[in-house]
Structures are given as structure tokens and as C-alpha cells.
C-alpha atoms as a PDB file:
ATOM      1  CA  MET A   1       1.843  63.376 100.889  1.00  0.00           C
ATOM      2  CA  LYS A   2       0.914  63.101 104.569  1.00  0.00           C
ATOM      3  CA  LYS A   3      -1.711  65.421 106.061  1.00  0.00           C
ATOM      4  CA  GLU A   4      -2.869  65.585 109.675  1.00  0.00           C
ATOM      5  CA  PHE A   5      -6.033  67.075 111.161  1.00  0.00           C
ATOM      6  CA  TYR A   6      -7.360  67.324 114.713  1.00  0.00           C
ATOM      7  CA  SER A   7     -10.739  68.133 116.283  1.00  0.00           C
ATOM      8  CA  ASN A   8     -11.848  68.682 119.881  1.00  0.00           C
ATOM      9  CA  GLY A   9     -14.366  66.586 121.733  1.00  0.00           C
ATOM     10  CA  LYS A  10     -17.428  68.172 123.363  1.00  0.00           C
ATOM     11  CA  LEU A  11     -19.724  68.337 126.361  1.00  0.00           C
ATOM     12  CA  LEU A  12     -23.156  70.001 126.267  1.00  0.00           C
ATOM     13  CA  ILE A  13     -23.836  71.783 129.554  1.00  0.00           C
ATOM     14  CA  THR A  14     -27.240  73.311 128.771  1.00  0.00           C
ATOM     15  CA  GLY A  15     -29.763  73.089 125.957  1.00  0.00           C
ATOM     16  CA  GLU A  16     -29.811  69.344 125.346  1.00  0.00           C
ATOM     17  CA  TYR A  17     -32.520  68.356 122.874  1.00  0.00           C
ATOM     18  CA  LEU A  18     -33.977  71.897 122.789  1.00  0.00           C
ATOM     19  CA  VAL A  19     -30.933  73.065 120.821  1.00  0.00           C
ATOM     20  CA  LEU A  20     -32.467  71.163 117.906  1.00  0.00           C
ATOM     21  CA  ASN A  21     -35.358  73.635 118.008  1.00  0.00           C
ATOM     22  CA  GLY A  22     -33.302  76.816 118.194  1.00  0.00           C
ATOM     23  CA  ALA A  23     -32.595  77.051 121.931  1.00  0.00           C
ATOM     24  CA  LYS A  24     -29.259  78.431 123.074  1.00  0.00           C
ATOM     25  CA  ALA A  25     -26.808  75.873 124.375  1.00  0.00           C
ATOM     26  CA  LEU A  26     -23.669  76.284 126.431  1.00  0.00           C
ATOM     27  CA  ALA A  27     -21.087  73.812 125.159  1.00  0.00           C
ATOM     28  CA  LEU A  28     -17.503  73.162 126.220  1.00  0.00           C
ATOM     29  CA  PRO A  29     -14.708  71.737 124.048  1.00  0.00           C
ATOM     30  CA  THR A  30     -12.681  69.071 125.820  1.00  0.00           C
ATOM     31  CA  LYS A  31      -8.976  68.396 126.120  1.00  0.00           C
ATOM     32  CA  PHE A  32      -9.741  65.056 124.470  1.00  0.00           C
ATOM     33  CA  GLY A  33     -10.324  64.701 120.725  1.00  0.00           C
ATOM     34  CA  GLN A  34      -9.457  62.813 117.572  1.00  0.00           C
ATOM     35  CA  LYS A  35      -6.711  62.973 114.965  1.00  0.00           C
ATOM     36  CA  LEU A  36      -7.035  62.088 111.272  1.00  0.00           C
ATOM     37  CA  ILE A  37      -3.977  61.213 109.193  1.00  0.00           C
ATOM     38  CA  VAL A  38      -4.299  61.020 105.409  1.00  0.00           C
ATOM     39  CA  GLU A  39      -1.622  59.479 103.165  1.00  0.00           C
ATOM     40  CA  ASN A  40      -1.571  58.439  99.524  1.00  0.00           C
ATOM     41  CA  GLY A  41      -2.802  54.955  98.663  1.00  0.00           C
ATOM     42  CA  THR A  42      -3.473  52.752  95.659  1.00  0.00           C
ATOM     43  CA  ASN A  43      -6.046  50.540  93.929  1.00  0.00           C
ATOM     44  CA  GLN A  44      -8.835  53.136  93.920  1.00  0.00           C
ATOM     45  CA  GLU A  45      -9.672  52.376  97.527  1.00  0.00           C
ATOM     46  CA  VAL A  46      -9.450  53.746 101.050  1.00  0.00           C
ATOM     47  CA  ASN A  47      -7.607  51.617 103.594  1.00  0.00           C
ATOM     48  CA  TRP A  48      -8.982  52.812 106.922  1.00  0.00           C
ATOM     49  CA  ILE A  49      -7.565  52.014 110.375  1.00  0.00           C
ATOM     50  CA  SER A  50      -8.974  53.487 113.587  1.00  0.00           C
ATOM     51  CA  TYR A  51      -7.184  53.373 116.939  1.00  0.00           C
ATOM     52  CA  ASP A  52      -8.822  53.716 120.329  1.00  0.00           C
ATOM     53  CA  ALA A  53      -7.203  55.757 123.099  1.00  0.00           C
ATOM     54  CA  ASP A  54      -5.355  52.702 124.447  1.00  0.00           C
ATOM     55  CA  GLY A  55      -3.710  52.075 121.074  1.00  0.00           C
ATOM     56  CA  SER A  56      -5.905  49.110 120.144  1.00  0.00           C
ATOM     57  CA  ILE A  57      -7.341  48.899 116.638  1.00  0.00           C
ATOM     58  CA  TRP A  58     -11.132  49.039 116.712  1.00  0.00           C
ATOM     59  CA  LEU A  59     -11.682  49.364 112.958  1.00  0.00           C
ATOM     60  CA  ASP A  60      -9.656  48.055 110.017  1.00  0.00           C
ATOM     61  CA  ILE A  61     -11.516  48.113 106.700  1.00  0.00           C
ATOM     62  CA  GLN A  62     -11.178  48.790 102.995  1.00  0.00           C
ATOM     63  CA  LEU A  63     -13.608  51.010 101.108  1.00  0.00           C
ATOM     64  CA  SER A  64     -13.525  50.985  97.313  1.00  0.00           C
ATOM     65  CA  PHE A  65     -14.053  54.242  95.454  1.00  0.00           C
ATOM     66  CA  GLU A  66     -16.898  52.409  93.703  1.00  0.00           C
ATOM     67  CA  ASP A  67     -18.646  51.771  97.033  1.00  0.00           C
ATOM     68  CA  ILE A  68     -18.235  55.430  98.029  1.00  0.00           C
ATOM     69  CA  LEU A  69     -19.512  56.776  94.707  1.00  0.00           C
ATOM     70  CA  GLY A  70     -22.478  54.390  94.647  1.00  0.00           C
ATOM     71  CA  LYS A  71     -23.144  54.702  98.389  1.00  0.00           C
ATOM     72  CA  THR A  72     -23.191  50.942  98.696  1.00  0.00           C
ATOM     73  CA  ILE A  73     -25.272  49.826 101.679  1.00  0.00           C
ATOM     74  CA  LEU A  74     -23.911  46.699 103.339  1.00  0.00           C
ATOM     75  CA  GLU A  75     -25.636  44.348 105.774  1.00  0.00           C
ATOM     76  CA  GLU A  76     -26.599  45.678 109.187  1.00  0.00           C
ATOM     77  CA  SER A  77     -23.564  44.125 110.881  1.00  0.00           C
ATOM     78  CA  GLU A  78     -21.425  46.515 108.815  1.00  0.00           C
ATOM     79  CA  SER A  79     -23.058  49.632 110.328  1.00  0.00           C
ATOM     80  CA  VAL A  80     -19.779  51.453 110.978  1.00  0.00           C
ATOM     81  CA  LYS A  81     -18.635  50.797 107.420  1.00  0.00           C
ATOM     82  CA  ASN A  82     -21.994  52.031 106.119  1.00  0.00           C
ATOM     83  CA  THR A  83     -21.620  55.228 108.155  1.00  0.00           C
ATOM     84  CA  LEU A  84     -18.162  55.862 106.727  1.00  0.00           C
ATOM     85  CA  ILE A  85     -19.407  55.256 103.193  1.00  0.00           C
ATOM     86  CA  GLU A  86     -22.241  57.721 103.806  1.00  0.00           C
ATOM     87  CA  ILE A  87     -19.897  60.408 105.168  1.00  0.00           C
ATOM     88  CA  LEU A  88     -17.401  60.003 102.314  1.00  0.00           C
ATOM     89  CA  HIS A  89     -20.178  59.858  99.713  1.00  0.00           C
ATOM     90  CA  GLN A  90     -21.608  63.139 100.992  1.00  0.00           C
ATOM     91  CA  GLY A  91     -18.073  64.533 101.061  1.00  0.00           C
ATOM     92  CA  TYR A  92     -17.693  63.559  97.420  1.00  0.00           C
ATOM     93  CA  LEU A  93     -20.884  65.410  96.507  1.00  0.00           C
ATOM     94  CA  LEU A  94     -19.396  68.535  98.083  1.00  0.00           C
ATOM     95  CA  ASN A  95     -15.874  68.094  96.656  1.00  0.00           C
ATOM     96  CA  SER A  96     -15.461  65.420  94.001  1.00  0.00           C
ATOM     97  CA  ASP A  97     -11.735  66.071  93.533  1.00  0.00           C
ATOM     98  CA  PHE A  98     -10.718  63.866  96.413  1.00  0.00           C
ATOM     99  CA  ILE A  99     -11.799  60.784  94.463  1.00  0.00           C
ATOM    100  CA  ASP A 100     -11.697  61.990  90.851  1.00  0.00           C
ATOM    101  CA  ASN A 101      -8.035  62.988  91.153  1.00  0.00           C
ATOM    102  CA  SER A 102      -6.698  60.262  93.440  1.00  0.00           C
ATOM    103  CA  GLU A 103      -5.356  56.720  93.211  1.00  0.00           C
ATOM    104  CA  GLY A 104      -6.381  55.900  96.762  1.00  0.00           C
ATOM    105  CA  TYR A 105      -5.789  56.705 100.414  1.00  0.00           C
ATOM    106  CA  GLN A 106      -4.348  55.275 103.597  1.00  0.00           C
ATOM    107  CA  ILE A 107      -6.306  56.856 106.455  1.00  0.00           C
ATOM    108  CA  THR A 108      -5.621  56.537 110.158  1.00  0.00           C
ATOM    109  CA  THR A 109      -7.684  57.927 113.008  1.00  0.00           C
ATOM    110  CA  GLN A 110      -6.533  58.153 116.617  1.00  0.00           C
ATOM    111  CA  LEU A 111      -8.820  58.948 119.556  1.00  0.00           C
ATOM    112  CA  THR A 112      -7.371  60.469 122.706  1.00  0.00           C
ATOM    113  CA  PHE A 113     -10.434  59.335 124.699  1.00  0.00           C
ATOM    114  CA  PRO A 114     -12.034  55.882 124.911  1.00  0.00           C
ATOM    115  CA  ARG A 115     -14.597  55.785 122.116  1.00  0.00           C
ATOM    116  CA  ASN A 116     -17.390  54.631 124.445  1.00  0.00           C
ATOM    117  CA  TRP A 117     -17.130  57.895 126.423  1.00  0.00           C
ATOM    118  CA  GLY A 118     -19.408  59.800 124.065  1.00  0.00           C
ATOM    119  CA  LEU A 119     -17.197  62.873 123.738  1.00  0.00           C
ATOM    120  CA  GLY A 120     -17.685  63.073 119.976  1.00  0.00           C
ATOM    121  CA  THR A 121     -16.261  60.117 118.054  1.00  0.00           C
ATOM    122  CA  SER A 122     -18.556  60.969 115.123  1.00  0.00           C
ATOM    123  CA  SER A 123     -18.410  64.765 115.289  1.00  0.00           C
ATOM    124  CA  THR A 124     -14.616  64.872 115.509  1.00  0.00           C
ATOM    125  CA  LEU A 125     -14.452  62.497 112.545  1.00  0.00           C
ATOM    126  CA  ILE A 126     -16.850  64.588 110.459  1.00  0.00           C
ATOM    127  CA  ASN A 127     -14.996  67.795 111.259  1.00  0.00           C
ATOM    128  CA  ASN A 128     -11.660  66.179 110.410  1.00  0.00           C
ATOM    129  CA  VAL A 129     -12.994  64.847 107.102  1.00  0.00           C
ATOM    130  CA  ALA A 130     -14.404  68.296 106.315  1.00  0.00           C
ATOM    131  CA  GLN A 131     -11.009  69.893 107.032  1.00  0.00           C
ATOM    132  CA  TRP A 132      -9.322  67.353 104.784  1.00  0.00           C
ATOM    133  CA  LEU A 133     -11.762  67.917 101.907  1.00  0.00           C
ATOM    134  CA  GLY A 134     -11.999  71.673 102.385  1.00  0.00           C
ATOM    135  CA  ILE A 135     -15.787  71.632 102.818  1.00  0.00           C
ATOM    136  CA  ASP A 136     -18.295  72.958 105.352  1.00  0.00           C
ATOM    137  CA  ALA A 137     -18.423  70.558 108.319  1.00  0.00           C
ATOM    138  CA  PHE A 138     -21.930  71.680 109.303  1.00  0.00           C
ATOM    139  CA  VAL A 139     -23.219  70.830 105.824  1.00  0.00           C
ATOM    140  CA  LEU A 140     -21.436  67.471 105.888  1.00  0.00           C
ATOM    141  CA  LEU A 141     -22.973  66.690 109.292  1.00  0.00           C
ATOM    142  CA  ASN A 142     -26.453  67.674 108.145  1.00  0.00           C
ATOM    143  CA  ASN A 143     -26.175  65.598 104.960  1.00  0.00           C
ATOM    144  CA  SER A 144     -24.808  62.504 106.663  1.00  0.00           C
ATOM    145  CA  PHE A 145     -25.255  62.026 110.400  1.00  0.00           C
ATOM    146  CA  GLY A 146     -27.642  64.790 111.393  1.00  0.00           C
ATOM    147  CA  GLY A 147     -27.924  66.702 114.662  1.00  0.00           C
ATOM    148  CA  SER A 148     -27.822  70.285 115.861  1.00  0.00           C
ATOM    149  CA  GLY A 149     -24.150  70.854 115.044  1.00  0.00           C
ATOM    150  CA  TYR A 150     -23.061  72.107 118.474  1.00  0.00           C
ATOM    151  CA  ASP A 151     -20.524  69.267 118.538  1.00  0.00           C
ATOM    152  CA  ILE A 152     -19.007  70.493 115.258  1.00  0.00           C
ATOM    153  CA  ALA A 153     -18.719  73.973 116.762  1.00  0.00           C
ATOM    154  CA  CYS A 154     -16.835  72.499 119.731  1.00  0.00           C
ATOM    155  CA  ALA A 155     -14.599  70.545 117.368  1.00  0.00           C
ATOM    156  CA  GLN A 156     -13.605  73.838 115.743  1.00  0.00           C
ATOM    157  CA  ASN A 157     -13.186  76.051 118.821  1.00  0.00           C
ATOM    158  CA  ASP A 158     -10.770  76.038 121.739  1.00  0.00           C
ATOM    159  CA  CYS A 159     -13.002  77.958 124.148  1.00  0.00           C
ATOM    160  CA  PRO A 160     -16.535  77.741 125.574  1.00  0.00           C
ATOM    161  CA  ILE A 161     -19.311  78.614 123.141  1.00  0.00           C
ATOM    162  CA  LEU A 162     -22.955  79.598 123.057  1.00  0.00           C
ATOM    163  CA  TYR A 163     -24.587  77.800 120.149  1.00  0.00           C
ATOM    164  CA  HIS A 164     -27.974  77.957 118.498  1.00  0.00           C
ATOM    165  CA  LEU A 165     -29.684  77.425 115.170  1.00  0.00           C
ATOM    166  CA  GLU A 166     -31.247  80.405 113.417  1.00  0.00           C
ATOM    167  CA  ASN A 167     -33.371  79.477 110.407  1.00  0.00           C
ATOM    168  CA  GLY A 168     -31.449  76.211 110.363  1.00  0.00           C
ATOM    169  CA  LYS A 169     -28.052  77.944 110.269  1.00  0.00           C
ATOM    170  CA  PRO A 170     -25.478  77.488 113.057  1.00  0.00           C
ATOM    171  CA  ILE A 171     -24.684  80.556 115.139  1.00  0.00           C
ATOM    172  CA  VAL A 172     -21.545  80.245 117.256  1.00  0.00           C
ATOM    173  CA  GLU A 173     -20.618  82.794 119.924  1.00  0.00           C
ATOM    174  CA  LYS A 174     -17.363  82.457 121.824  1.00  0.00           C
ATOM    175  CA  VAL A 175     -17.940  83.182 125.509  1.00  0.00           C
ATOM    176  CA  THR A 176     -15.964  83.500 128.703  1.00  0.00           C
ATOM    177  CA  PHE A 177     -16.685  80.672 131.114  1.00  0.00           C
ATOM    178  CA  ASP A 178     -13.968  80.043 133.675  1.00  0.00           C
ATOM    179  CA  PRO A 179     -15.766  79.486 136.982  1.00  0.00           C
ATOM    180  CA  GLU A 180     -13.826  80.192 140.171  1.00  0.00           C
ATOM    181  CA  PHE A 181     -15.568  77.163 141.661  1.00  0.00           C
ATOM    182  CA  SER A 182     -14.296  74.744 138.993  1.00  0.00           C
ATOM    183  CA  GLU A 183     -12.623  72.656 141.724  1.00  0.00           C
ATOM    184  CA  ASN A 184     -16.164  71.658 142.763  1.00  0.00           C
ATOM    185  CA  LEU A 185     -17.088  70.390 139.291  1.00  0.00           C
ATOM    186  CA  TYR A 186     -16.555  66.794 138.196  1.00  0.00           C
ATOM    187  CA  PHE A 187     -17.511  64.664 135.214  1.00  0.00           C
ATOM    188  CA  VAL A 188     -18.634  61.108 135.917  1.00  0.00           C
ATOM    189  CA  TYR A 189     -18.976  58.483 133.189  1.00  0.00           C
ATOM    190  CA  LEU A 190     -22.082  56.334 133.573  1.00  0.00           C
ATOM    191  CA  ASP A 191     -20.552  53.323 131.778  1.00  0.00           C
ATOM    192  CA  LYS A 192     -23.336  53.430 129.213  1.00  0.00           C
ATOM    193  CA  LYS A 193     -22.768  54.774 125.718  1.00  0.00           C
ATOM    194  CA  GLN A 194     -25.770  56.659 124.411  1.00  0.00           C
ATOM    195  CA  ASN A 195     -26.698  56.534 120.729  1.00  0.00           C
ATOM    196  CA  SER A 196     -27.103  60.240 119.966  1.00  0.00           C
ATOM    197  CA  LYS A 197     -28.743  59.590 116.615  1.00  0.00           C
ATOM    198  CA  ALA A 198     -31.378  57.348 118.214  1.00  0.00           C
ATOM    199  CA  ALA A 199     -31.955  59.805 121.074  1.00  0.00           C
ATOM    200  CA  ILE A 200     -32.527  62.643 118.603  1.00  0.00           C
ATOM    201  CA  ALA A 201     -34.955  60.519 116.575  1.00  0.00           C
ATOM    202  CA  SER A 202     -36.903  59.624 119.716  1.00  0.00           C
ATOM    203  CA  TYR A 203     -37.092  63.283 120.743  1.00  0.00           C
ATOM    204  CA  TYR A 204     -38.430  64.297 117.336  1.00  0.00           C
ATOM    205  CA  ASN A 205     -41.016  61.516 117.446  1.00  0.00           C
ATOM    206  CA  ASN A 206     -42.346  62.514 120.860  1.00  0.00           C
ATOM    207  CA  ASN A 207     -42.854  66.160 121.703  1.00  0.00           C
ATOM    208  CA  ASN A 208     -41.238  69.134 120.054  1.00  0.00           C
ATOM    209  CA  SER A 209     -44.090  71.063 118.478  1.00  0.00           C
ATOM    210  CA  HIS A 210     -45.057  73.356 121.399  1.00  0.00           C
ATOM    211  CA  LEU A 211     -41.751  74.330 122.913  1.00  0.00           C
ATOM    212  CA  ALA A 212     -41.618  78.118 122.474  1.00  0.00           C
ATOM    213  CA  ASP A 213     -42.006  78.850 126.202  1.00  0.00           C
ATOM    214  CA  ASP A 214     -39.560  76.075 127.097  1.00  0.00           C
ATOM    215  CA  ILE A 215     -36.960  77.548 124.759  1.00  0.00           C
ATOM    216  CA  VAL A 216     -37.345  80.960 126.394  1.00  0.00           C
ATOM    217  CA  THR A 217     -36.880  79.327 129.817  1.00  0.00           C
ATOM    218  CA  ASN A 218     -33.855  77.373 128.573  1.00  0.00           C
ATOM    219  CA  ASP A 219     -32.193  80.512 127.221  1.00  0.00           C
ATOM    220  CA  LYS A 220     -32.791  82.321 130.520  1.00  0.00           C
ATOM    221  CA  ILE A 221     -31.269  79.441 132.509  1.00  0.00           C
ATOM    222  CA  THR A 222     -28.322  79.192 130.129  1.00  0.00           C
ATOM    223  CA  GLN A 223     -27.564  82.860 130.726  1.00  0.00           C
ATOM    224  CA  GLU A 224     -27.848  82.309 134.483  1.00  0.00           C
ATOM    225  CA  VAL A 225     -25.348  79.468 134.237  1.00  0.00           C
ATOM    226  CA  LEU A 226     -22.948  81.702 132.326  1.00  0.00           C
ATOM    227  CA  ASN A 227     -23.361  84.589 134.756  1.00  0.00           C
ATOM    228  CA  ALA A 228     -23.231  82.548 137.980  1.00  0.00           C
ATOM    229  CA  LYS A 229     -20.992  84.318 140.471  1.00  0.00           C
ATOM    230  CA  ASN A 230     -20.722  81.413 142.892  1.00  0.00           C
ATOM    231  CA  LEU A 231     -21.305  77.698 143.254  1.00  0.00           C
ATOM    232  CA  HIS A 232     -24.776  78.180 144.766  1.00  0.00           C
ATOM    233  CA  GLU A 233     -26.072  80.216 141.800  1.00  0.00           C
ATOM    234  CA  PHE A 234     -24.533  77.768 139.322  1.00  0.00           C
ATOM    235  CA  ALA A 235     -25.991  74.714 141.061  1.00  0.00           C
ATOM    236  CA  PHE A 236     -29.442  76.304 141.399  1.00  0.00           C
ATOM    237  CA  ALA A 237     -29.578  77.122 137.677  1.00  0.00           C
ATOM    238  CA  LEU A 238     -28.555  73.617 136.627  1.00  0.00           C
ATOM    239  CA  GLU A 239     -31.063  72.008 139.001  1.00  0.00           C
ATOM    240  CA  GLU A 240     -33.754  74.181 137.426  1.00  0.00           C
ATOM    241  CA  HIS A 241     -32.606  73.110 133.958  1.00  0.00           C
ATOM    242  CA  GLU A 242     -32.640  69.438 134.919  1.00  0.00           C
ATOM    243  CA  ALA A 243     -36.152  69.671 136.376  1.00  0.00           C
ATOM    244  CA  LYS A 244     -37.452  71.441 133.276  1.00  0.00           C
ATOM    245  CA  MET A 245     -36.014  68.848 130.910  1.00  0.00           C
ATOM    246  CA  SER A 246     -37.369  66.044 133.091  1.00  0.00           C
ATOM    247  CA  THR A 247     -40.868  67.436 132.502  1.00  0.00           C
ATOM    248  CA  ILE A 248     -40.347  67.901 128.763  1.00  0.00           C
ATOM    249  CA  LEU A 249     -38.857  64.443 128.226  1.00  0.00           C
ATOM    250  CA  GLU A 250     -41.183  62.768 130.720  1.00  0.00           C
ATOM    251  CA  MET A 251     -38.162  61.060 132.273  1.00  0.00           C
ATOM    252  CA  GLN A 252     -36.705  60.931 135.756  1.00  0.00           C
ATOM    253  CA  THR A 253     -33.589  62.985 136.266  1.00  0.00           C
ATOM    254  CA  ILE A 254     -30.397  60.965 136.509  1.00  0.00           C
ATOM    255  CA  LYS A 255     -30.140  61.882 140.199  1.00  0.00           C
ATOM    256  CA  GLU A 256     -33.664  60.616 140.887  1.00  0.00           C
ATOM    257  CA  SER A 257     -33.066  57.363 139.052  1.00  0.00           C
ATOM    258  CA  LEU A 258     -29.523  56.480 140.121  1.00  0.00           C
ATOM    259  CA  PHE A 259     -28.239  58.762 142.883  1.00  0.00           C
ATOM    260  CA  PRO A 260     -31.189  59.971 144.991  1.00  0.00           C
ATOM    261  CA  TYR A 261     -29.143  60.313 148.196  1.00  0.00           C
ATOM    262  CA  PHE A 262     -26.155  62.139 146.732  1.00  0.00           C
ATOM    263  CA  ASN A 263     -25.333  65.351 148.579  1.00  0.00           C
ATOM    264  CA  GLY A 264     -24.897  67.606 145.568  1.00  0.00           C
ATOM    265  CA  VAL A 265     -26.228  68.360 142.113  1.00  0.00           C
ATOM    266  CA  ILE A 266     -26.042  65.998 139.138  1.00  0.00           C
ATOM    267  CA  LYS A 267     -26.744  67.290 135.635  1.00  0.00           C
ATOM    268  CA  SER A 268     -27.230  65.144 132.513  1.00  0.00           C
ATOM    269  CA  LEU A 269     -25.090  66.199 129.556  1.00  0.00           C
ATOM    270  CA  GLY A 270     -26.367  65.605 126.033  1.00  0.00           C
ATOM    271  CA  ALA A 271     -28.553  62.543 125.452  1.00  0.00           C
ATOM    272  CA  TRP A 272     -30.158  61.536 128.766  1.00  0.00           C
ATOM    273  CA  GLY A 273     -29.356  58.196 130.305  1.00  0.00           C
ATOM    274  CA  GLY A 274     -25.716  57.662 129.388  1.00  0.00           C
ATOM    275  CA  ASP A 275     -22.277  59.081 128.723  1.00  0.00           C
ATOM    276  CA  PHE A 276     -21.066  61.723 131.206  1.00  0.00           C
ATOM    277  CA  VAL A 277     -22.905  63.694 133.862  1.00  0.00           C
ATOM    278  CA  LEU A 278     -21.743  66.897 135.516  1.00  0.00           C
ATOM    279  CA  VAL A 279     -21.449  66.593 139.285  1.00  0.00           C
ATOM    280  CA  ILE A 280     -21.432  69.632 141.559  1.00  0.00           C
ATOM    281  CA  SER A 281     -20.072  68.786 144.980  1.00  0.00           C
ATOM    282  CA  LYS A 282     -18.447  70.675 147.834  1.00  0.00           C
ATOM    283  CA  GLU A 283     -16.542  67.518 148.757  1.00  0.00           C
ATOM    284  CA  ASN A 284     -14.573  65.178 146.507  1.00  0.00           C
ATOM    285  CA  PRO A 285     -17.229  62.686 145.305  1.00  0.00           C
ATOM    286  CA  ASP A 286     -14.847  59.903 144.231  1.00  0.00           C
ATOM    287  CA  ASP A 287     -15.656  57.567 147.127  1.00  0.00           C
ATOM    288  CA  TYR A 288     -19.413  57.916 146.644  1.00  0.00           C
ATOM    289  CA  PHE A 289     -19.336  57.098 142.936  1.00  0.00           C
ATOM    290  CA  ASN A 290     -16.694  54.392 143.296  1.00  0.00           C
ATOM    291  CA  GLU A 291     -18.909  52.619 145.820  1.00  0.00           C
ATOM    292  CA  LYS A 292     -21.744  52.822 143.283  1.00  0.00           C
ATOM    293  CA  GLY A 293     -19.491  51.192 140.678  1.00  0.00           C
ATOM    294  CA  PHE A 294     -18.649  54.279 138.640  1.00  0.00           C
ATOM    295  CA  LYS A 295     -14.889  54.482 138.351  1.00  0.00           C
ATOM    296  CA  THR A 296     -14.331  57.175 135.719  1.00  0.00           C
ATOM    297  CA  ILE A 297     -14.394  60.550 137.481  1.00  0.00           C
ATOM    298  CA  ILE A 298     -12.606  63.458 135.820  1.00  0.00           C
ATOM    299  CA  THR A 299     -12.045  66.911 137.276  1.00  0.00           C
ATOM    300  CA  TYR A 300     -13.118  70.012 135.380  1.00  0.00           C
ATOM    301  CA  LYS A 301      -9.526  71.144 134.779  1.00  0.00           C
ATOM    302  CA  ASP A 302      -8.556  67.732 133.400  1.00  0.00           C
ATOM    303  CA  MET A 303     -11.552  67.577 131.046  1.00  0.00           C
ATOM    304  CA  ILE A 304     -12.194  71.087 129.695  1.00  0.00           C
ATOM    305  CA  LEU A 305      -9.939  73.094 127.415  1.00  0.00           C
END
């Protein structure tokens, strides 16, 4: 019996890092995502094939039920396989039927965005697996990959959301965010995939014990971003957010480090230093970024659901 599942990708507009400590984050589901197709298999194993957006196969592996049940850890070169085993093992602990009452599976995943873009290859997978197994995706994320869970919330919603953690529990609020100035908003890929798991670990290891005032400031800025009536108010709020996070992380902003002479605002999205940035510009910025070697520039309407 064939089953299909789909989850949206994500972009985090405000609240990066601080969302891990309970700050409110504005997050936007994308028009890009990932599909999971599950069919019956044999031999007490999972035959897993993953396709990139261009149709190329980037993963083709077999996972035995024995490996999943025992959470077999393979050598470091098999990191993707280890991650899948971990996710499916945790899935089994939450719903054992999918292995106890099965002969095997043929599983196919299909991304609609290049997997190096950082729009949620892992989160869309975890949410799809959770849909398939009928389990809580936030619990599966927490038990396997870790993170705040805002990306799971985007995977599950087709509209902008405000997201925060309250006593460790995800709180998702659907919000209206449809800026009249969206034609001045662009997303530029920095040609550098960030490891979200590593970025989160680094953040935890550095400075997150005295952030109460910073969280209050973040929440105020997030509300200003949501309520912005024009491009000037929106840009001012995001510049303030970027400056605040630069101080907290003790890192240069992406504009300071890569685009100091750009006539506009550039805001990091998610883990700093890679993936996409949000560009606010009164003029089409394609020529500027193309000259700098950045060729992937996507308009707001083409990116956001």
C-alpha cells in the first residue's frame, strides 16, 4: 500500500538562537519542501532512496530492522545513515507497530529545493516520518536531532507563525504577515550550507545563561517586524535585530563581513554564516550579488507560501 506525505520548508526571520531559550520567533513556511513515499517491502529491511531537486539520487541505502532496533552506529563516513537509524529508532520507541507488524519498506524522498539550501532537509524528513508513524513530530525531533522545533511548526503550517517554547513545550501562533512591500524583499543564498546542529551546540557552549533582557528585546523587535506598516519600519527593526544578535554572538553581521557597501539591509536567517539571508532593497539587487558571485536570488513571492 502506497502512502505519501509532504512537509514545508522554513525560513526563520527573527529569533535565531534565542528561540532555544524561549524567545518568540517569526518563521515563514516556504513554497519548497519534501515529499515522503512509503511502499511495502521485504526482507525485514528499509530500502531508502532520496532524490535531490534536480532528480539526482543523493542517497541509496538499505537499513535492516535489526540495525534500527539496536540503533547500530556505523563508522563516521556513514553519518547520514546513522542519522536515519537514529530517527527511525526513536520512531520505533514511539510506535513499535511500524516494524513489529511489517515485512519491510521501500521509501522514497523527493526534495523540491536543492538540499544544500538549508530550507529544512532534516525537519521536513522528521515531520514526514512522524506523519507516517502517527507520532508527535516535536517529540521525534527532540529525541533524535534536537533544536527548538520552529522548523517542525513551519513544516506543519501553510501560513506565517509566531513560535516559542514555554516550559519546553512548543507554542505555535498563526499570524498575518503579508507585507505590501514584499516586492522589495529578496532571499540570497550564500553558497555555504550551515550545520544547524553544530551551530546550536556552539551557541549552548558559549553564552546563553544571562539572556532574559535580550529575550525581552527580541520579542519587542519581533512584534515590530510583524506590525511594520512600511519598508522603513521593517528595515529598521531587522537592522536592530541584527545588531543585537551580533553583540550576543560576538560575530560580525553578514553585511559587515561580506557586503559592507550594499545599499540596503541584509538580515541573517537561522544559523549565522550560511544558507539564505534576507535582503531589503529598493532596487533589484541581482546585479550587485551576481557580481559578488552569488547567483541564487529568489523573490519573496517565489519563496514564501
